[in-house]
Amino acid sequence: MAIKMQNFGLTWADTDGVPHASVVSYNKTTAEHRKTALEAAGSTHVRIVETKPGQLLDPRA
């Protein structure tokens, strides 16, 4: 049975409104933990986005 590898990244705006995007890939559970930490630090518009291996997210997307 094949295991499907899923990668996730995050995009968010910091407390000054500057957009950011993760440059690493996370699994779903780790991405959710990172989202929670970013929101606790005051970041807004935090989104988890499914990515392909090697794909970099655009922080303004």
PDB file of N, CA and C in Angstrom:
ATOM      1  N   MET A   1       0.844  -1.179   0.000  1.00  0.00           N
ATOM      2  CA  MET A   1       0.000   0.000   0.000  1.00  0.00           C
ATOM      3  C   MET A   1       0.888   1.241   0.000  1.00  0.00           C
ATOM      4  N   ALA A   2       0.604   2.164  -0.883  1.00  0.00           N
ATOM      5  CA  ALA A   2       1.396   3.387  -0.994  1.00  0.00           C
ATOM      6  C   ALA A   2       0.939   4.412   0.042  1.00  0.00           C
ATOM      7  N   ILE A   3       1.890   5.144   0.542  1.00  0.00           N
ATOM      8  CA  ILE A   3       1.602   6.223   1.487  1.00  0.00           C
ATOM      9  C   ILE A   3       1.678   7.532   0.721  1.00  0.00           C
ATOM     10  N   LYS A   4       0.633   8.335   0.815  1.00  0.00           N
ATOM     11  CA  LYS A   4       0.611   9.620   0.135  1.00  0.00           C
ATOM     12  C   LYS A   4       1.225  10.682   1.041  1.00  0.00           C
ATOM     13  N   MET A   5       2.304  11.283   0.587  1.00  0.00           N
ATOM     14  CA  MET A   5       2.974  12.336   1.340  1.00  0.00           C
ATOM     15  C   MET A   5       2.307  13.666   1.022  1.00  0.00           C
ATOM     16  N   GLN A   6       1.853  14.359   2.040  1.00  0.00           N
ATOM     17  CA  GLN A   6       1.255  15.675   1.855  1.00  0.00           C
ATOM     18  C   GLN A   6       2.140  16.706   2.532  1.00  0.00           C
ATOM     19  N   ASN A   7       2.359  17.817   1.848  1.00  0.00           N
ATOM     20  CA  ASN A   7       3.161  18.916   2.370  1.00  0.00           C
ATOM     21  C   ASN A   7       2.273  20.148   2.527  1.00  0.00           C
ATOM     22  N   PHE A   8       2.548  20.905   3.568  1.00  0.00           N
ATOM     23  CA  PHE A   8       1.772  22.108   3.834  1.00  0.00           C
ATOM     24  C   PHE A   8       2.712  23.251   4.186  1.00  0.00           C
ATOM     25  N   GLY A   9       2.340  24.446   3.771  1.00  0.00           N
ATOM     26  CA  GLY A   9       3.050  25.663   4.131  1.00  0.00           C
ATOM     27  C   GLY A   9       2.059  26.620   4.770  1.00  0.00           C
ATOM     28  N   LEU A  10       2.561  27.733   5.263  1.00  0.00           N
ATOM     29  CA  LEU A  10       1.691  28.727   5.870  1.00  0.00           C
ATOM     30  C   LEU A  10       1.958  30.097   5.286  1.00  0.00           C
ATOM     31  N   THR A  11       0.903  30.891   5.204  1.00  0.00           N
ATOM     32  CA  THR A  11       1.037  32.306   4.879  1.00  0.00           C
ATOM     33  C   THR A  11       0.364  33.077   6.010  1.00  0.00           C
ATOM     34  N   TRP A  12       0.861  34.271   6.297  1.00  0.00           N
ATOM     35  CA  TRP A  12       0.305  35.078   7.378  1.00  0.00           C
ATOM     36  C   TRP A  12       0.776  36.515   7.252  1.00  0.00           C
ATOM     37  N   ALA A  13       0.164  37.386   8.024  1.00  0.00           N
ATOM     38  CA  ALA A  13       0.597  38.776   8.151  1.00  0.00           C
ATOM     39  C   ALA A  13       1.035  38.973   9.601  1.00  0.00           C
ATOM     40  N   ASP A  14       2.201  39.599   9.777  1.00  0.00           N
ATOM     41  CA  ASP A  14       2.678  39.818  11.149  1.00  0.00           C
ATOM     42  C   ASP A  14       1.915  40.965  11.796  1.00  0.00           C
ATOM     43  N   THR A  15       2.293  41.330  13.006  1.00  0.00           N
ATOM     44  CA  THR A  15       1.563  42.358  13.754  1.00  0.00           C
ATOM     45  C   THR A  15       1.627  43.732  13.098  1.00  0.00           C
ATOM     46  N   ASP A  16       2.598  43.941  12.202  1.00  0.00           N
ATOM     47  CA  ASP A  16       2.694  45.202  11.463  1.00  0.00           C
ATOM     48  C   ASP A  16       1.985  45.126  10.115  1.00  0.00           C
ATOM     49  N   GLY A  17       1.377  43.967   9.799  1.00  0.00           N
ATOM     50  CA  GLY A  17       0.666  43.797   8.539  1.00  0.00           C
ATOM     51  C   GLY A  17       1.539  43.346   7.377  1.00  0.00           C
ATOM     52  N   VAL A  18       2.803  43.031   7.649  1.00  0.00           N
ATOM     53  CA  VAL A  18       3.727  42.588   6.600  1.00  0.00           C
ATOM     54  C   VAL A  18       3.444  41.119   6.277  1.00  0.00           C
ATOM     55  N   PRO A  19       3.207  40.795   4.989  1.00  0.00           N
ATOM     56  CA  PRO A  19       2.924  39.400   4.635  1.00  0.00           C
ATOM     57  C   PRO A  19       4.171  38.518   4.679  1.00  0.00           C
ATOM     58  N   HIS A  20       3.976  37.274   5.102  1.00  0.00           N
ATOM     59  CA  HIS A  20       5.060  36.292   5.186  1.00  0.00           C
ATOM     60  C   HIS A  20       4.564  34.956   4.660  1.00  0.00           C
ATOM     61  N   ALA A  21       5.509  34.099   4.289  1.00  0.00           N
ATOM     62  CA  ALA A  21       5.196  32.725   3.901  1.00  0.00           C
ATOM     63  C   ALA A  21       6.302  31.819   4.411  1.00  0.00           C
ATOM     64  N   SER A  22       5.932  30.619   4.826  1.00  0.00           N
ATOM     65  CA  SER A  22       6.935  29.671   5.296  1.00  0.00           C
ATOM     66  C   SER A  22       7.799  29.210   4.127  1.00  0.00           C
ATOM     67  N   VAL A  23       9.047  28.922   4.417  1.00  0.00           N
ATOM     68  CA  VAL A  23       9.970  28.429   3.389  1.00  0.00           C
ATOM     69  C   VAL A  23      10.283  26.955   3.614  1.00  0.00           C
ATOM     70  N   VAL A  24       9.598  26.355   4.562  1.00  0.00           N
ATOM     71  CA  VAL A  24       9.738  24.924   4.832  1.00  0.00           C
ATOM     72  C   VAL A  24       8.371  24.279   4.672  1.00  0.00           C
ATOM     73  N   SER A  25       8.363  22.971   4.486  1.00  0.00           N
ATOM     74  CA  SER A  25       7.116  22.224   4.409  1.00  0.00           C
ATOM     75  C   SER A  25       6.865  21.532   5.735  1.00  0.00           C
ATOM     76  N   TYR A  26       5.602  21.454   6.089  1.00  0.00           N
ATOM     77  CA  TYR A  26       5.184  20.805   7.318  1.00  0.00           C
ATOM     78  C   TYR A  26       4.231  19.668   6.984  1.00  0.00           C
ATOM     79  N   ASN A  27       4.078  18.713   7.906  1.00  0.00           N
ATOM     80  CA  ASN A  27       2.964  17.777   7.794  1.00  0.00           C
ATOM     81  C   ASN A  27       1.746  18.495   8.374  1.00  0.00           C
ATOM     82  N   LYS A  28       0.562  17.934   8.225  1.00  0.00           N
ATOM     83  CA  LYS A  28      -0.669  18.615   8.626  1.00  0.00           C
ATOM     84  C   LYS A  28      -0.681  18.966  10.114  1.00  0.00           C
ATOM     85  N   THR A  29      -0.309  18.037  10.970  1.00  0.00           N
ATOM     86  CA  THR A  29      -0.337  18.277  12.417  1.00  0.00           C
ATOM     87  C   THR A  29       0.617  19.396  12.812  1.00  0.00           C
ATOM     88  N   THR A  30       1.826  19.381  12.273  1.00  0.00           N
ATOM     89  CA  THR A  30       2.806  20.410  12.598  1.00  0.00           C
ATOM     90  C   THR A  30       2.371  21.769  12.054  1.00  0.00           C
ATOM     91  N   ALA A  31       1.771  21.789  10.867  1.00  0.00           N
ATOM     92  CA  ALA A  31       1.267  23.039  10.303  1.00  0.00           C
ATOM     93  C   ALA A  31       0.183  23.640  11.191  1.00  0.00           C
ATOM     94  N   GLU A  32      -0.694  22.804  11.725  1.00  0.00           N
ATOM     95  CA  GLU A  32      -1.739  23.297  12.617  1.00  0.00           C
ATOM     96  C   GLU A  32      -1.145  23.853  13.904  1.00  0.00           C
ATOM     97  N   HIS A  33      -0.109  23.214  14.440  1.00  0.00           N
ATOM     98  CA  HIS A  33       0.564  23.728  15.647  1.00  0.00           C
ATOM     99  C   HIS A  33       1.235  25.064  15.349  1.00  0.00           C
ATOM    100  N   ARG A  34       1.876  25.166  14.187  1.00  0.00           N
ATOM    101  CA  ARG A  34       2.539  26.419  13.795  1.00  0.00           C
ATOM    102  C   ARG A  34       1.512  27.535  13.619  1.00  0.00           C
ATOM    103  N   LYS A  35       0.365  27.213  13.040  1.00  0.00           N
ATOM    104  CA  LYS A  35      -0.707  28.201  12.867  1.00  0.00           C
ATOM    105  C   LYS A  35      -1.158  28.726  14.225  1.00  0.00           C
ATOM    106  N   THR A  36      -1.362  27.818  15.169  1.00  0.00           N
ATOM    107  CA  THR A  36      -1.781  28.210  16.518  1.00  0.00           C
ATOM    108  C   THR A  36      -0.744  29.133  17.159  1.00  0.00           C
ATOM    109  N   ALA A  37       0.536  28.802  16.995  1.00  0.00           N
ATOM    110  CA  ALA A  37       1.608  29.628  17.576  1.00  0.00           C
ATOM    111  C   ALA A  37       1.650  31.012  16.927  1.00  0.00           C
ATOM    112  N   LEU A  38       1.469  31.072  15.618  1.00  0.00           N
ATOM    113  CA  LEU A  38       1.482  32.367  14.930  1.00  0.00           C
ATOM    114  C   LEU A  38       0.314  33.235  15.389  1.00  0.00           C
ATOM    115  N   GLU A  39      -0.867  32.638  15.511  1.00  0.00           N
ATOM    116  CA  GLU A  39      -2.031  33.391  15.969  1.00  0.00           C
ATOM    117  C   GLU A  39      -1.850  33.862  17.409  1.00  0.00           C
ATOM    118  N   ALA A  40      -1.250  33.050  18.252  1.00  0.00           N
ATOM    119  CA  ALA A  40      -1.002  33.438  19.636  1.00  0.00           C
ATOM    120  C   ALA A  40      -0.014  34.602  19.724  1.00  0.00           C
ATOM    121  N   ALA A  41       0.863  34.706  18.724  1.00  0.00           N
ATOM    122  CA  ALA A  41       1.846  35.793  18.696  1.00  0.00           C
ATOM    123  C   ALA A  41       1.272  37.070  18.073  1.00  0.00           C
ATOM    124  N   GLY A  42       0.005  37.036  17.660  1.00  0.00           N
ATOM    125  CA  GLY A  42      -0.635  38.230  17.126  1.00  0.00           C
ATOM    126  C   GLY A  42      -0.690  38.310  15.616  1.00  0.00           C
ATOM    127  N   SER A  43      -0.253  37.278  14.924  1.00  0.00           N
ATOM    128  CA  SER A  43      -0.311  37.280  13.464  1.00  0.00           C
ATOM    129  C   SER A  43      -1.754  37.124  13.004  1.00  0.00           C
ATOM    130  N   THR A  44      -2.061  37.673  11.834  1.00  0.00           N
ATOM    131  CA  THR A  44      -3.410  37.595  11.282  1.00  0.00           C
ATOM    132  C   THR A  44      -3.374  36.927   9.915  1.00  0.00           C
ATOM    133  N   HIS A  45      -4.541  36.610   9.408  1.00  0.00           N
ATOM    134  CA  HIS A  45      -4.685  35.999   8.076  1.00  0.00           C
ATOM    135  C   HIS A  45      -3.822  34.745   7.926  1.00  0.00           C
ATOM    136  N   VAL A  46      -3.724  33.950   8.972  1.00  0.00           N
ATOM    137  CA  VAL A  46      -2.902  32.741   8.939  1.00  0.00           C
ATOM    138  C   VAL A  46      -3.658  31.663   8.166  1.00  0.00           C
ATOM    139  N   ARG A  47      -3.015  31.146   7.119  1.00  0.00           N
ATOM    140  CA  ARG A  47      -3.621  30.110   6.287  1.00  0.00           C
ATOM    141  C   ARG A  47      -2.663  28.942   6.125  1.00  0.00           C
ATOM    142  N   ILE A  48      -3.215  27.743   6.166  1.00  0.00           N
ATOM    143  CA  ILE A  48      -2.454  26.532   5.850  1.00  0.00           C
ATOM    144  C   ILE A  48      -2.753  26.205   4.391  1.00  0.00           C
ATOM    145  N   VAL A  49      -1.693  26.025   3.596  1.00  0.00           N
ATOM    146  CA  VAL A  49      -1.831  25.800   2.164  1.00  0.00           C
ATOM    147  C   VAL A  49      -1.109  24.505   1.804  1.00  0.00           C
ATOM    148  N   GLU A  50      -1.797  23.610   1.091  1.00  0.00           N
ATOM    149  CA  GLU A  50      -1.140  22.388   0.622  1.00  0.00           C
ATOM    150  C   GLU A  50      -0.159  22.763  -0.485  1.00  0.00           C
ATOM    151  N   THR A  51       1.043  22.219  -0.406  1.00  0.00           N
ATOM    152  CA  THR A  51       2.087  22.531  -1.384  1.00  0.00           C
ATOM    153  C   THR A  51       2.636  21.249  -1.995  1.00  0.00           C
ATOM    154  N   LYS A  52       3.379  21.417  -3.065  1.00  0.00           N
ATOM    155  CA  LYS A  52       4.097  20.308  -3.690  1.00  0.00           C
ATOM    156  C   LYS A  52       5.552  20.384  -3.241  1.00  0.00           C
ATOM    157  N   PRO A  53       6.275  19.276  -3.257  1.00  0.00           N
ATOM    158  CA  PRO A  53       7.679  19.309  -2.856  1.00  0.00           C
ATOM    159  C   PRO A  53       8.461  20.361  -3.643  1.00  0.00           C
ATOM    160  N   GLY A  54       9.181  21.205  -2.939  1.00  0.00           N
ATOM    161  CA  GLY A  54       9.993  22.245  -3.561  1.00  0.00           C
ATOM    162  C   GLY A  54       9.254  23.528  -3.879  1.00  0.00           C
ATOM    163  N   GLN A  55       7.951  23.553  -3.696  1.00  0.00           N
ATOM    164  CA  GLN A  55       7.158  24.745  -4.009  1.00  0.00           C
ATOM    165  C   GLN A  55       7.324  25.801  -2.921  1.00  0.00           C
ATOM    166  N   LEU A  56       7.574  27.039  -3.335  1.00  0.00           N
ATOM    167  CA  LEU A  56       7.636  28.159  -2.401  1.00  0.00           C
ATOM    168  C   LEU A  56       6.355  28.983  -2.529  1.00  0.00           C
ATOM    169  N   LEU A  57       5.801  29.368  -1.411  1.00  0.00           N
ATOM    170  CA  LEU A  57       4.568  30.138  -1.405  1.00  0.00           C
ATOM    171  C   LEU A  57       4.848  31.628  -1.587  1.00  0.00           C
ATOM    172  N   ASP A  58       3.904  32.313  -2.211  1.00  0.00           N
ATOM    173  CA  ASP A  58       3.965  33.763  -2.348  1.00  0.00           C
ATOM    174  C   ASP A  58       3.304  34.365  -1.110  1.00  0.00           C
ATOM    175  N   PRO A  59       4.006  35.175  -0.345  1.00  0.00           N
ATOM    176  CA  PRO A  59       3.427  35.704   0.893  1.00  0.00           C
ATOM    177  C   PRO A  59       2.211  36.599   0.654  1.00  0.00           C
ATOM    178  N   ARG A  60       2.079  37.149  -0.520  1.00  0.00           N
ATOM    179  CA  ARG A  60       0.953  38.049  -0.799  1.00  0.00           C
ATOM    180  C   ARG A  60      -0.247  37.319  -1.347  1.00  0.00           C
ATOM    181  N   ALA A  61      -0.148  36.020  -1.563  1.00  0.00           N
ATOM    182  CA  ALA A  61      -1.263  35.274  -2.170  1.00  0.00           C
ATOM    183  C   ALA A  61      -2.386  35.037  -1.187  1.00  0.00           C
TER     184      ALA A  61
END
